[in-house]
């Protein structure tokens, strides 16, 4: 195998392993790094790979930190989520008021954390 083929194979494997840990979306342009909310163990600048939709639901507390941590652990084990099932469950929970939308949570200290992370990567 040539060096070019090896690099391309590595990139394909990396891409297959990159996706929203909650819903499984693997469209790279739709993925973002969500900063962990309170309750996440580890470094205060810890991030999770989420799609924009799941990131928004996480920022609005529709999806809890505990759910994101569990999804991250499952993703690391190789389990891939069923997006339709996840979205139906969230929708049903919202209808039955087992989940709430907390729009006040959305901004919190996220912009400051994002600025620190961006500065570190530049």
Foldseek 3Di string as FASTA:
>chain_A
DDPVVVVVVVVVVVLCLAAALQAGDRPVVQWDWAQQDPPDDDDNLDTGIHGPVVSQCDQFQLDDSVNRVVSVVCSVVVDGHHNVVSVVVSVVCVVVVVGDGRNVSNVPCRVVSVVVVVVVVD
